[in-house]
Each structure stands twice: as structure tokens, then as C-alpha cells.
């Protein structure tokens, strides 16, 4: 991650135990003991090396949000929906075509939720949310059940609650377009 900004969190998938946390940019604890180094780190408002990004920064969940969309589909009887993902998905009124990684189509053709999830298909989950999720609040309810936006319940120094925004409607055509694009993949 050298030269980048971000975080890595490694969990035990069976227990949820936090095995490792890493934040970049980072710094040497040894070097930070010197007053002038600490001052330089503290004054670096652009890179913010003292910010522990693994606990105190907000990130768009990206493909991990597809798990929430899949759970919402199962909770709402949409698990058997098959969709044609060939050519991507262009929501009405939007100038953007949703594709899979690097503009491709990872799960092309008549696709079910199992293959779409296995291939992490942006197209499938966008289509599912935009054309079949009748009430966006169902997505919010599923996120609450999974603890999205809440603290983890384990003692992590500096941990903060995340955001769980409610869907909204506005008169601008851009807002519904953005909601359709973001609702299922949250990208």
C-alpha cells in the first residue's frame, strides 16, 4: 500500500476476532518519539498519517455491499430471479452504463444470484436493485439486522459508528439516477 491511503483489517471469519489492523500512510512509533517528527506528522493535514484509517475513516463498501443486497433478495423472495446481464445496465435517465470489473461482463447472459455473487457482478446486483427491489427500506432493514452503521461490540480504541443513510427522493433527475446506480453495489 506504499504511497496509497487506506486500511487493511484481517478478521477470523469463524469468530469475527480481529487478527490485524493496518493503516496507510503509516509512521514509525520509534521515530515519532522525537518532537520534530511528531510535530511534522501532526501538521500533515493532506496525508493525515496519525489517522487510524482502519477504525476512524469512512469507506464506500464496494463489492461487500453485494452481500447485503443478496441477503435482502433472500429476505424478500427474490432469490430465484434470473436476469440478462449481457451488455451492462444503463438505468433510465443516466449517462452511465454499469459493467463488471474493468468494463467487462463477468457473468454474461441469463444469470442467477448464485453465479452473480460468485462472479461479483455489478450488472446483476444493479439490475436486481433497480428493477426488482420494490421498497429500498428493505435494504436498510437488512443492513440494521447485520449491524451496519453500528459499533462492532468489541473494544477497539477509537472505533466510531458508521453511517447508514435512509433513501430519499428529490426533484432533481440526478438524485434518482445516483440512487439507482449506488443502491445495489454502493459504488
N, C-alpha and C. Protein backbone atom coordinates (compact mmCIF):
# COMPACT_ATOMS: atom_id res chain seq x y z
N UNK A 1 0.81 -1.20 0.00
CA UNK A 1 0.00 0.00 0.00
C UNK A 1 0.85 1.26 0.00
N UNK A 2 2.12 1.10 -0.13
CA UNK A 2 3.01 2.25 -0.05
C UNK A 2 2.59 3.32 -1.05
N UNK A 3 2.48 4.55 -0.57
CA UNK A 3 2.08 5.66 -1.42
C UNK A 3 0.58 5.79 -1.59
N UNK A 4 -0.20 4.95 -0.95
CA UNK A 4 -1.66 5.00 -1.06
C UNK A 4 -2.27 5.34 0.29
N UNK A 5 -3.56 5.62 0.28
CA UNK A 5 -4.30 5.89 1.51
C UNK A 5 -5.34 4.79 1.67
N UNK A 6 -5.39 4.17 2.83
CA UNK A 6 -6.39 3.13 3.05
C UNK A 6 -6.10 2.33 4.30
N UNK A 7 -6.80 1.22 4.41
CA UNK A 7 -6.67 0.38 5.60
C UNK A 7 -6.86 -1.07 5.22
N UNK A 8 -6.30 -1.93 6.04
CA UNK A 8 -6.50 -3.37 5.90
C UNK A 8 -6.93 -3.88 7.27
N UNK A 9 -8.00 -4.67 7.28
CA UNK A 9 -8.48 -5.30 8.50
C UNK A 9 -8.58 -6.78 8.21
N UNK A 10 -7.92 -7.60 9.04
CA UNK A 10 -7.96 -9.05 8.86
C UNK A 10 -8.72 -9.64 10.04
N UNK A 11 -9.80 -10.38 9.70
CA UNK A 11 -10.67 -10.98 10.71
C UNK A 11 -10.64 -12.49 10.60
N UNK A 12 -10.88 -13.16 11.71
CA UNK A 12 -11.12 -14.60 11.68
C UNK A 12 -12.58 -14.78 11.27
N UNK A 13 -12.85 -15.38 10.10
CA UNK A 13 -14.23 -15.46 9.60
C UNK A 13 -15.14 -16.33 10.47
N UNK A 14 -14.58 -17.24 11.25
CA UNK A 14 -15.41 -18.09 12.11
C UNK A 14 -15.84 -17.36 13.38
N UNK A 15 -14.99 -16.49 13.92
CA UNK A 15 -15.29 -15.87 15.21
C UNK A 15 -15.47 -14.36 15.14
N UNK A 16 -14.99 -13.74 14.08
CA UNK A 16 -15.03 -12.29 13.98
C UNK A 16 -13.88 -11.62 14.71
N UNK A 17 -12.99 -12.42 15.30
CA UNK A 17 -11.85 -11.87 16.03
C UNK A 17 -10.98 -11.04 15.08
N UNK A 18 -10.57 -9.86 15.55
CA UNK A 18 -9.68 -9.00 14.78
C UNK A 18 -8.27 -9.55 14.92
N UNK A 19 -7.69 -9.96 13.80
CA UNK A 19 -6.34 -10.51 13.81
C UNK A 19 -5.28 -9.45 13.54
N UNK A 20 -5.63 -8.47 12.71
CA UNK A 20 -4.66 -7.43 12.38
C UNK A 20 -5.38 -6.19 11.86
N UNK A 21 -4.81 -5.02 12.15
CA UNK A 21 -5.27 -3.74 11.63
C UNK A 21 -4.06 -3.02 11.05
N UNK A 22 -4.24 -2.39 9.89
CA UNK A 22 -3.14 -1.63 9.29
C UNK A 22 -3.72 -0.38 8.65
N UNK A 23 -3.02 0.72 8.78
CA UNK A 23 -3.45 1.98 8.21
C UNK A 23 -2.29 2.60 7.42
N UNK A 24 -2.59 3.16 6.26
CA UNK A 24 -1.57 3.79 5.42
C UNK A 24 -2.08 5.15 4.97
N UNK A 25 -1.32 6.23 5.00
CA UNK A 25 0.08 6.28 5.37
C UNK A 25 0.28 5.96 6.85
N UNK A 26 1.42 5.37 7.11
CA UNK A 26 1.76 5.00 8.48
C UNK A 26 3.01 5.76 8.90
N UNK A 27 3.48 5.46 10.08
CA UNK A 27 4.68 6.11 10.58
C UNK A 27 5.36 5.18 11.57
N UNK A 28 6.58 5.45 11.86
CA UNK A 28 7.37 4.68 12.82
C UNK A 28 7.13 5.22 14.23
N UNK A 29 6.66 4.36 15.13
CA UNK A 29 6.47 4.78 16.52
C UNK A 29 7.79 5.26 17.12
N UNK A 30 8.85 4.59 16.76
CA UNK A 30 10.17 4.95 17.28
C UNK A 30 10.54 6.37 16.85
N UNK A 31 10.38 6.66 15.55
CA UNK A 31 10.72 7.99 15.04
C UNK A 31 9.79 9.06 15.62
N UNK A 32 8.52 8.71 15.86
CA UNK A 32 7.54 9.67 16.35
C UNK A 32 7.81 10.12 17.79
N UNK A 33 8.74 9.45 18.46
CA UNK A 33 9.11 9.86 19.81
C UNK A 33 9.86 11.19 19.80
N UNK A 34 10.47 11.49 18.67
CA UNK A 34 11.20 12.75 18.55
C UNK A 34 10.19 13.87 18.28
N UNK A 35 10.31 14.95 19.01
CA UNK A 35 9.35 16.05 18.97
C UNK A 35 9.15 16.61 17.56
N UNK A 36 10.23 16.83 16.83
CA UNK A 36 10.10 17.43 15.50
C UNK A 36 9.40 16.48 14.51
N UNK A 37 9.63 15.18 14.66
CA UNK A 37 8.94 14.20 13.80
C UNK A 37 7.45 14.18 14.14
N UNK A 38 7.15 14.13 15.44
CA UNK A 38 5.75 14.12 15.87
C UNK A 38 5.03 15.37 15.37
N UNK A 39 5.67 16.51 15.47
CA UNK A 39 5.08 17.77 15.02
C UNK A 39 4.79 17.72 13.51
N UNK A 40 5.74 17.19 12.75
CA UNK A 40 5.55 17.08 11.30
C UNK A 40 4.39 16.14 10.97
N UNK A 41 4.29 15.03 11.68
CA UNK A 41 3.18 14.10 11.46
C UNK A 41 1.84 14.76 11.80
N UNK A 42 1.81 15.45 12.91
CA UNK A 42 0.59 16.10 13.38
C UNK A 42 0.16 17.23 12.44
N UNK A 43 1.12 17.89 11.81
CA UNK A 43 0.82 19.01 10.92
C UNK A 43 0.51 18.59 9.49
N UNK A 44 0.69 17.32 9.17
CA UNK A 44 0.45 16.84 7.80
C UNK A 44 -1.05 16.64 7.58
N UNK A 45 -1.74 17.72 7.22
CA UNK A 45 -3.21 17.68 7.05
C UNK A 45 -3.63 17.04 5.72
N UNK A 46 -2.70 16.91 4.79
CA UNK A 46 -3.03 16.28 3.50
C UNK A 46 -3.07 14.75 3.63
N UNK A 47 -2.02 14.15 4.13
CA UNK A 47 -1.95 12.69 4.21
C UNK A 47 -2.47 12.13 5.53
N UNK A 48 -2.51 12.94 6.57
CA UNK A 48 -3.02 12.56 7.89
C UNK A 48 -2.45 11.21 8.36
N UNK A 49 -1.14 11.10 8.52
CA UNK A 49 -0.57 9.82 8.93
C UNK A 49 -0.97 9.38 10.34
N UNK A 50 -1.41 10.31 11.19
CA UNK A 50 -1.82 9.93 12.55
C UNK A 50 -3.25 9.38 12.60
N UNK A 51 -3.99 9.51 11.51
CA UNK A 51 -5.36 8.99 11.44
C UNK A 51 -5.31 7.47 11.27
N UNK A 52 -5.92 6.74 12.19
CA UNK A 52 -6.01 5.29 12.06
C UNK A 52 -7.20 4.99 11.14
N UNK A 53 -6.92 4.81 9.87
CA UNK A 53 -7.96 4.61 8.88
C UNK A 53 -8.73 3.31 9.07
N UNK A 54 -8.16 2.35 9.75
CA UNK A 54 -8.87 1.08 9.96
C UNK A 54 -10.03 1.23 10.94
N UNK A 55 -10.01 2.27 11.77
CA UNK A 55 -11.06 2.47 12.77
C UNK A 55 -11.80 3.78 12.64
N UNK A 56 -11.20 4.78 12.04
CA UNK A 56 -11.77 6.13 12.10
C UNK A 56 -12.00 6.78 10.75
N UNK A 57 -12.17 6.04 9.71
CA UNK A 57 -12.40 6.62 8.40
C UNK A 57 -13.60 5.93 7.76
N UNK A 58 -14.33 6.66 6.93
CA UNK A 58 -15.48 6.10 6.22
C UNK A 58 -15.03 5.64 4.82
N UNK A 59 -15.50 4.47 4.41
CA UNK A 59 -15.18 3.95 3.08
C UNK A 59 -16.45 3.45 2.41
N UNK A 60 -16.54 3.66 1.13
CA UNK A 60 -17.63 3.07 0.36
C UNK A 60 -17.42 1.57 0.36
N UNK A 61 -18.44 0.79 0.72
CA UNK A 61 -18.23 -0.64 0.88
C UNK A 61 -17.98 -1.41 -0.41
N UNK A 62 -18.30 -0.86 -1.56
CA UNK A 62 -18.00 -1.55 -2.81
C UNK A 62 -18.65 -2.91 -2.89
N UNK A 63 -17.90 -3.90 -3.35
CA UNK A 63 -18.46 -5.23 -3.60
C UNK A 63 -18.96 -5.93 -2.34
N UNK A 64 -18.49 -5.54 -1.18
CA UNK A 64 -19.01 -6.18 0.03
C UNK A 64 -20.49 -5.86 0.21
N UNK A 65 -20.95 -4.78 -0.40
CA UNK A 65 -22.36 -4.42 -0.31
C UNK A 65 -23.24 -5.41 -1.07
N UNK A 66 -22.65 -6.13 -2.00
CA UNK A 66 -23.43 -7.13 -2.75
C UNK A 66 -23.94 -8.23 -1.82
N UNK A 67 -23.19 -8.52 -0.76
CA UNK A 67 -23.66 -9.50 0.23
C UNK A 67 -24.94 -9.00 0.87
N UNK A 68 -24.99 -7.74 1.23
CA UNK A 68 -26.21 -7.17 1.81
C UNK A 68 -27.35 -7.22 0.80
N UNK A 69 -27.07 -6.90 -0.46
CA UNK A 69 -28.10 -6.96 -1.49
C UNK A 69 -28.62 -8.38 -1.66
N UNK A 70 -27.72 -9.37 -1.60
CA UNK A 70 -28.13 -10.76 -1.74
C UNK A 70 -29.00 -11.18 -0.55
N UNK A 71 -28.61 -10.81 0.65
CA UNK A 71 -29.41 -11.13 1.83
C UNK A 71 -30.79 -10.49 1.73
N UNK A 72 -30.83 -9.24 1.27
CA UNK A 72 -32.11 -8.56 1.07
C UNK A 72 -32.96 -9.31 0.06
N UNK A 73 -32.34 -9.79 -1.02
CA UNK A 73 -33.07 -10.56 -2.03
C UNK A 73 -33.69 -11.81 -1.41
N UNK A 74 -32.92 -12.54 -0.63
CA UNK A 74 -33.44 -13.76 0.00
C UNK A 74 -34.55 -13.43 1.00
N UNK A 75 -34.39 -12.37 1.76
CA UNK A 75 -35.40 -11.98 2.75
C UNK A 75 -36.71 -11.53 2.10
N UNK A 76 -36.65 -11.15 0.82
CA UNK A 76 -37.82 -10.62 0.12
C UNK A 76 -38.27 -11.52 -1.03
N UNK A 77 -37.85 -12.79 -1.02
CA UNK A 77 -38.32 -13.75 -2.01
C UNK A 77 -37.82 -13.51 -3.42
N UNK A 78 -36.68 -12.86 -3.57
CA UNK A 78 -36.15 -12.54 -4.90
C UNK A 78 -34.97 -13.42 -5.29
N UNK A 79 -34.72 -14.50 -4.52
CA UNK A 79 -33.51 -15.30 -4.72
C UNK A 79 -33.53 -16.12 -6.02
N UNK A 80 -34.68 -16.31 -6.63
CA UNK A 80 -34.76 -17.11 -7.86
C UNK A 80 -34.81 -16.26 -9.13
N UNK A 81 -34.69 -14.96 -8.99
CA UNK A 81 -34.75 -14.07 -10.15
C UNK A 81 -33.50 -14.26 -11.01
N UNK A 82 -33.74 -14.49 -12.28
CA UNK A 82 -32.65 -14.59 -13.26
C UNK A 82 -32.71 -13.35 -14.14
N UNK A 83 -31.55 -12.79 -14.44
CA UNK A 83 -31.50 -11.55 -15.21
C UNK A 83 -30.51 -11.68 -16.35
N UNK A 84 -30.82 -10.99 -17.45
CA UNK A 84 -29.91 -10.95 -18.59
C UNK A 84 -28.92 -9.82 -18.36
N UNK A 85 -27.67 -10.17 -18.14
CA UNK A 85 -26.64 -9.18 -17.82
C UNK A 85 -25.78 -8.79 -19.02
N UNK A 86 -26.09 -9.32 -20.19
CA UNK A 86 -25.31 -9.01 -21.38
C UNK A 86 -25.40 -7.52 -21.72
N UNK A 87 -24.27 -6.90 -21.96
CA UNK A 87 -24.24 -5.50 -22.40
C UNK A 87 -24.27 -4.49 -21.28
N UNK A 88 -24.28 -4.93 -20.04
CA UNK A 88 -24.30 -3.99 -18.92
C UNK A 88 -25.71 -3.52 -18.61
N UNK A 89 -25.80 -2.54 -17.77
CA UNK A 89 -27.09 -1.99 -17.35
C UNK A 89 -27.00 -0.48 -17.35
N UNK A 90 -27.90 0.16 -18.10
CA UNK A 90 -27.98 1.62 -18.16
C UNK A 90 -29.32 2.05 -17.59
N UNK A 91 -29.34 2.53 -16.34
CA UNK A 91 -30.61 2.98 -15.76
C UNK A 91 -31.20 4.12 -16.58
N UNK A 92 -32.52 4.17 -16.63
CA UNK A 92 -33.21 5.23 -17.36
C UNK A 92 -32.76 6.59 -16.84
N UNK A 93 -32.48 7.49 -17.76
CA UNK A 93 -32.11 8.85 -17.41
C UNK A 93 -30.67 9.03 -16.96
N UNK A 94 -29.88 7.98 -17.05
CA UNK A 94 -28.47 8.08 -16.63
C UNK A 94 -27.57 7.97 -17.85
N UNK A 95 -26.44 8.62 -17.78
CA UNK A 95 -25.48 8.56 -18.89
C UNK A 95 -24.41 7.52 -18.66
N UNK A 96 -24.57 6.68 -17.66
CA UNK A 96 -23.52 5.72 -17.32
C UNK A 96 -24.06 4.29 -17.46
N UNK A 97 -23.24 3.44 -18.05
CA UNK A 97 -23.57 2.02 -18.13
C UNK A 97 -22.79 1.29 -17.06
N UNK A 98 -23.50 0.54 -16.27
CA UNK A 98 -22.86 -0.25 -15.22
C UNK A 98 -22.34 -1.53 -15.85
N UNK A 99 -21.06 -1.80 -15.62
CA UNK A 99 -20.43 -3.02 -16.12
C UNK A 99 -19.76 -3.72 -14.94
N UNK A 100 -19.18 -4.85 -15.20
CA UNK A 100 -18.40 -5.53 -14.17
C UNK A 100 -16.98 -4.99 -14.21
N UNK A 101 -16.09 -5.61 -13.51
CA UNK A 101 -14.73 -5.13 -13.36
C UNK A 101 -14.09 -4.77 -14.70
N UNK A 102 -13.48 -3.60 -14.78
CA UNK A 102 -12.76 -3.12 -15.96
C UNK A 102 -13.62 -3.06 -17.22
N UNK A 103 -14.91 -2.78 -17.05
CA UNK A 103 -15.80 -2.64 -18.20
C UNK A 103 -16.23 -3.95 -18.82
N UNK A 104 -15.98 -5.04 -18.15
CA UNK A 104 -16.31 -6.35 -18.72
C UNK A 104 -17.68 -6.83 -18.25
N UNK A 105 -17.97 -8.05 -18.58
CA UNK A 105 -19.19 -8.73 -18.15
C UNK A 105 -18.75 -10.08 -17.60
N UNK A 106 -18.61 -10.16 -16.29
CA UNK A 106 -18.10 -11.38 -15.64
C UNK A 106 -19.11 -12.52 -15.65
N UNK A 107 -20.38 -12.19 -15.61
CA UNK A 107 -21.44 -13.20 -15.58
C UNK A 107 -22.45 -12.84 -16.65
N UNK A 108 -22.09 -13.02 -17.91
CA UNK A 108 -22.93 -12.59 -19.02
C UNK A 108 -24.07 -13.56 -19.31
N UNK A 109 -25.15 -12.98 -19.82
CA UNK A 109 -26.29 -13.79 -20.23
C UNK A 109 -27.31 -13.95 -19.12
N UNK A 110 -28.06 -15.04 -19.20
CA UNK A 110 -29.10 -15.36 -18.23
C UNK A 110 -28.42 -15.80 -16.93
N UNK A 111 -28.46 -14.96 -15.91
CA UNK A 111 -27.66 -15.17 -14.71
C UNK A 111 -28.54 -15.23 -13.47
N UNK A 112 -28.23 -16.18 -12.60
CA UNK A 112 -28.91 -16.28 -11.31
C UNK A 112 -28.07 -15.65 -10.23
N UNK A 113 -28.66 -15.51 -9.05
CA UNK A 113 -27.98 -14.82 -7.95
C UNK A 113 -26.73 -15.57 -7.49
N UNK A 114 -26.73 -16.90 -7.62
CA UNK A 114 -25.57 -17.68 -7.18
C UNK A 114 -24.33 -17.34 -8.01
N UNK A 115 -24.46 -17.35 -9.33
CA UNK A 115 -23.33 -17.05 -10.22
C UNK A 115 -22.98 -15.56 -10.13
N UNK A 116 -24.01 -14.70 -10.03
CA UNK A 116 -23.76 -13.26 -9.92
C UNK A 116 -22.93 -12.95 -8.68
N UNK A 117 -23.23 -13.62 -7.58
CA UNK A 117 -22.48 -13.38 -6.35
C UNK A 117 -21.06 -13.95 -6.46
N UNK A 118 -20.98 -15.14 -7.01
CA UNK A 118 -19.67 -15.79 -7.18
C UNK A 118 -18.75 -14.94 -8.05
N UNK A 119 -19.30 -14.32 -9.09
CA UNK A 119 -18.51 -13.50 -10.02
C UNK A 119 -18.49 -12.02 -9.63
N UNK A 120 -19.19 -11.65 -8.55
CA UNK A 120 -19.26 -10.27 -8.08
C UNK A 120 -19.78 -9.34 -9.18
N UNK A 121 -20.91 -9.69 -9.75
CA UNK A 121 -21.45 -8.96 -10.89
C UNK A 121 -22.14 -7.65 -10.50
N UNK A 122 -21.52 -6.53 -10.87
CA UNK A 122 -22.15 -5.22 -10.67
C UNK A 122 -23.44 -5.13 -11.46
N UNK A 123 -23.43 -5.70 -12.66
CA UNK A 123 -24.59 -5.62 -13.55
C UNK A 123 -25.79 -6.29 -12.90
N UNK A 124 -25.63 -7.53 -12.47
CA UNK A 124 -26.75 -8.28 -11.88
C UNK A 124 -27.32 -7.56 -10.66
N UNK A 125 -26.47 -7.18 -9.72
CA UNK A 125 -26.98 -6.60 -8.49
C UNK A 125 -27.57 -5.20 -8.70
N UNK A 126 -27.07 -4.47 -9.70
CA UNK A 126 -27.68 -3.18 -10.05
C UNK A 126 -29.06 -3.39 -10.66
N UNK A 127 -29.15 -4.34 -11.58
CA UNK A 127 -30.46 -4.66 -12.16
C UNK A 127 -31.44 -5.13 -11.09
N UNK A 128 -30.98 -5.99 -10.22
CA UNK A 128 -31.83 -6.53 -9.17
C UNK A 128 -32.39 -5.40 -8.30
N UNK A 129 -31.52 -4.49 -7.88
CA UNK A 129 -31.96 -3.38 -7.02
C UNK A 129 -32.88 -2.42 -7.76
N UNK A 130 -32.49 -2.04 -8.97
CA UNK A 130 -33.23 -1.01 -9.70
C UNK A 130 -34.57 -1.50 -10.23
N UNK A 131 -34.64 -2.76 -10.64
CA UNK A 131 -35.84 -3.24 -11.29
C UNK A 131 -36.70 -4.19 -10.45
N UNK A 132 -36.17 -4.69 -9.35
CA UNK A 132 -36.93 -5.69 -8.59
C UNK A 132 -37.09 -5.37 -7.10
N UNK A 133 -36.28 -4.50 -6.55
CA UNK A 133 -36.40 -4.15 -5.14
C UNK A 133 -37.48 -3.08 -5.02
N UNK A 134 -38.69 -3.52 -4.63
CA UNK A 134 -39.82 -2.61 -4.61
C UNK A 134 -39.71 -1.53 -3.54
N UNK A 135 -39.14 -1.88 -2.40
CA UNK A 135 -39.03 -0.91 -1.31
C UNK A 135 -37.58 -0.83 -0.84
N UNK A 136 -36.89 0.28 -1.14
CA UNK A 136 -35.49 0.42 -0.72
C UNK A 136 -35.30 0.31 0.80
N UNK A 137 -36.36 0.55 1.57
CA UNK A 137 -36.23 0.42 3.02
C UNK A 137 -35.94 -1.02 3.43
N UNK A 138 -36.27 -2.00 2.58
CA UNK A 138 -35.93 -3.39 2.88
C UNK A 138 -34.42 -3.57 2.95
N UNK A 139 -33.70 -2.82 2.16
CA UNK A 139 -32.24 -2.85 2.20
C UNK A 139 -31.73 -2.26 3.52
N UNK A 140 -32.36 -1.20 3.96
CA UNK A 140 -31.99 -0.58 5.24
C UNK A 140 -32.29 -1.54 6.39
N UNK A 141 -33.43 -2.21 6.35
CA UNK A 141 -33.78 -3.17 7.41
C UNK A 141 -32.77 -4.31 7.49
N UNK A 142 -32.37 -4.82 6.33
CA UNK A 142 -31.36 -5.90 6.32
C UNK A 142 -30.03 -5.38 6.85
N UNK A 143 -29.68 -4.15 6.51
CA UNK A 143 -28.41 -3.60 7.00
C UNK A 143 -28.43 -3.45 8.52
N UNK A 144 -29.57 -3.09 9.07
CA UNK A 144 -29.69 -2.98 10.53
C UNK A 144 -29.52 -4.33 11.20
N UNK A 145 -30.14 -5.37 10.62
CA UNK A 145 -30.04 -6.72 11.17
C UNK A 145 -28.59 -7.20 11.21
N UNK A 146 -27.79 -6.77 10.23
CA UNK A 146 -26.39 -7.17 10.15
C UNK A 146 -25.46 -6.24 10.92
N UNK A 147 -26.01 -5.20 11.52
CA UNK A 147 -25.19 -4.30 12.33
C UNK A 147 -24.47 -3.22 11.56
N UNK A 148 -24.83 -3.00 10.29
CA UNK A 148 -24.21 -1.92 9.53
C UNK A 148 -24.48 -0.60 10.24
N UNK A 149 -23.48 0.24 10.33
CA UNK A 149 -23.62 1.54 10.95
C UNK A 149 -23.47 1.53 12.45
N UNK A 150 -23.32 0.36 13.04
CA UNK A 150 -23.18 0.24 14.50
C UNK A 150 -21.73 -0.06 14.85
N UNK A 151 -21.38 0.18 16.10
CA UNK A 151 -20.07 -0.24 16.58
C UNK A 151 -20.03 -1.76 16.61
N UNK A 152 -18.84 -2.33 16.54
CA UNK A 152 -18.67 -3.78 16.42
C UNK A 152 -19.06 -4.55 17.67
N UNK A 153 -19.01 -3.90 18.83
CA UNK A 153 -19.30 -4.62 20.07
C UNK A 153 -18.06 -5.21 20.72
N UNK A 154 -16.92 -5.03 20.08
CA UNK A 154 -15.65 -5.44 20.69
C UNK A 154 -14.86 -4.17 20.98
N UNK A 155 -14.02 -4.21 21.96
CA UNK A 155 -13.30 -3.00 22.34
C UNK A 155 -12.16 -2.71 21.37
N UNK A 156 -12.37 -1.69 20.54
CA UNK A 156 -11.35 -1.23 19.60
C UNK A 156 -11.12 0.24 19.89
N UNK A 157 -9.91 0.61 20.30
CA UNK A 157 -9.64 2.01 20.65
C UNK A 157 -9.95 2.94 19.48
N UNK A 158 -10.76 3.95 19.73
CA UNK A 158 -11.06 4.95 18.71
C UNK A 158 -12.13 4.55 17.72
N UNK A 159 -12.76 3.39 17.89
CA UNK A 159 -13.80 2.96 16.94
C UNK A 159 -14.98 3.93 16.98
N UNK A 160 -15.54 4.21 15.79
CA UNK A 160 -16.72 5.05 15.69
C UNK A 160 -17.81 4.31 14.93
N UNK A 161 -19.05 4.71 15.13
CA UNK A 161 -20.16 4.11 14.39
C UNK A 161 -20.10 4.55 12.94
N UNK A 162 -20.56 3.70 12.05
CA UNK A 162 -20.62 4.04 10.64
C UNK A 162 -21.90 4.77 10.30
N UNK A 163 -22.09 5.06 9.04
CA UNK A 163 -23.29 5.74 8.58
C UNK A 163 -24.21 4.74 7.91
N UNK A 164 -25.49 4.91 8.13
CA UNK A 164 -26.50 4.12 7.44
C UNK A 164 -27.56 5.12 7.02
N UNK A 165 -27.45 5.57 5.80
CA UNK A 165 -28.35 6.62 5.32
C UNK A 165 -29.66 6.04 4.82
N UNK A 166 -30.72 6.78 5.02
CA UNK A 166 -32.03 6.38 4.51
C UNK A 166 -32.15 6.86 3.07
N UNK A 167 -32.79 6.07 2.22
CA UNK A 167 -33.02 6.53 0.85
C UNK A 167 -33.93 7.76 0.86
N UNK A 168 -33.75 8.63 -0.08
CA UNK A 168 -34.58 9.83 -0.13
C UNK A 168 -34.93 10.12 -1.58
N UNK A 169 -35.90 10.99 -1.74
CA UNK A 169 -36.34 11.37 -3.08
C UNK A 169 -36.18 12.88 -3.21
N UNK A 170 -35.78 13.32 -4.36
CA UNK A 170 -35.64 14.75 -4.61
C UNK A 170 -36.14 15.03 -6.02
N UNK A 171 -36.40 16.28 -6.29
CA UNK A 171 -36.93 16.65 -7.58
C UNK A 171 -35.92 16.54 -8.70
N UNK A 172 -34.65 16.59 -8.40
CA UNK A 172 -33.62 16.55 -9.43
C UNK A 172 -33.56 15.17 -10.08
N UNK A 173 -33.41 15.13 -11.37
CA UNK A 173 -33.25 13.86 -12.07
C UNK A 173 -31.94 13.17 -11.72
N UNK A 174 -30.95 13.93 -11.26
CA UNK A 174 -29.64 13.36 -10.92
C UNK A 174 -29.73 12.48 -9.67
N UNK A 175 -30.58 12.85 -8.72
CA UNK A 175 -30.66 12.10 -7.47
C UNK A 175 -31.20 10.70 -7.69
N UNK A 176 -32.33 10.52 -8.36
CA UNK A 176 -32.80 9.15 -8.60
C UNK A 176 -31.80 8.34 -9.42
N UNK A 177 -31.12 8.97 -10.37
CA UNK A 177 -30.11 8.27 -11.17
C UNK A 177 -29.00 7.78 -10.26
N UNK A 178 -28.49 8.64 -9.40
CA UNK A 178 -27.42 8.24 -8.48
C UNK A 178 -27.89 7.15 -7.54
N UNK A 179 -29.11 7.24 -7.06
CA UNK A 179 -29.64 6.20 -6.18
C UNK A 179 -29.70 4.86 -6.88
N UNK A 180 -30.14 4.86 -8.14
CA UNK A 180 -30.21 3.59 -8.88
C UNK A 180 -28.82 3.02 -9.09
N UNK A 181 -27.85 3.88 -9.38
CA UNK A 181 -26.50 3.40 -9.62
C UNK A 181 -25.85 2.86 -8.35
N UNK A 182 -26.15 3.47 -7.21
CA UNK A 182 -25.47 3.12 -5.98
C UNK A 182 -26.20 2.11 -5.12
N UNK A 183 -27.49 1.92 -5.32
CA UNK A 183 -28.29 1.15 -4.38
C UNK A 183 -27.77 -0.27 -4.17
N UNK A 184 -27.36 -0.96 -5.21
CA UNK A 184 -27.01 -2.37 -5.04
C UNK A 184 -25.52 -2.64 -4.91
N UNK A 185 -24.69 -1.83 -5.55
CA UNK A 185 -23.26 -2.08 -5.45
C UNK A 185 -22.61 -1.09 -4.52
N UNK A 186 -23.31 -0.01 -4.23
CA UNK A 186 -22.84 1.07 -3.36
C UNK A 186 -21.48 1.58 -3.80
N UNK A 187 -21.32 1.76 -5.11
CA UNK A 187 -20.05 2.26 -5.65
C UNK A 187 -20.24 3.60 -6.28
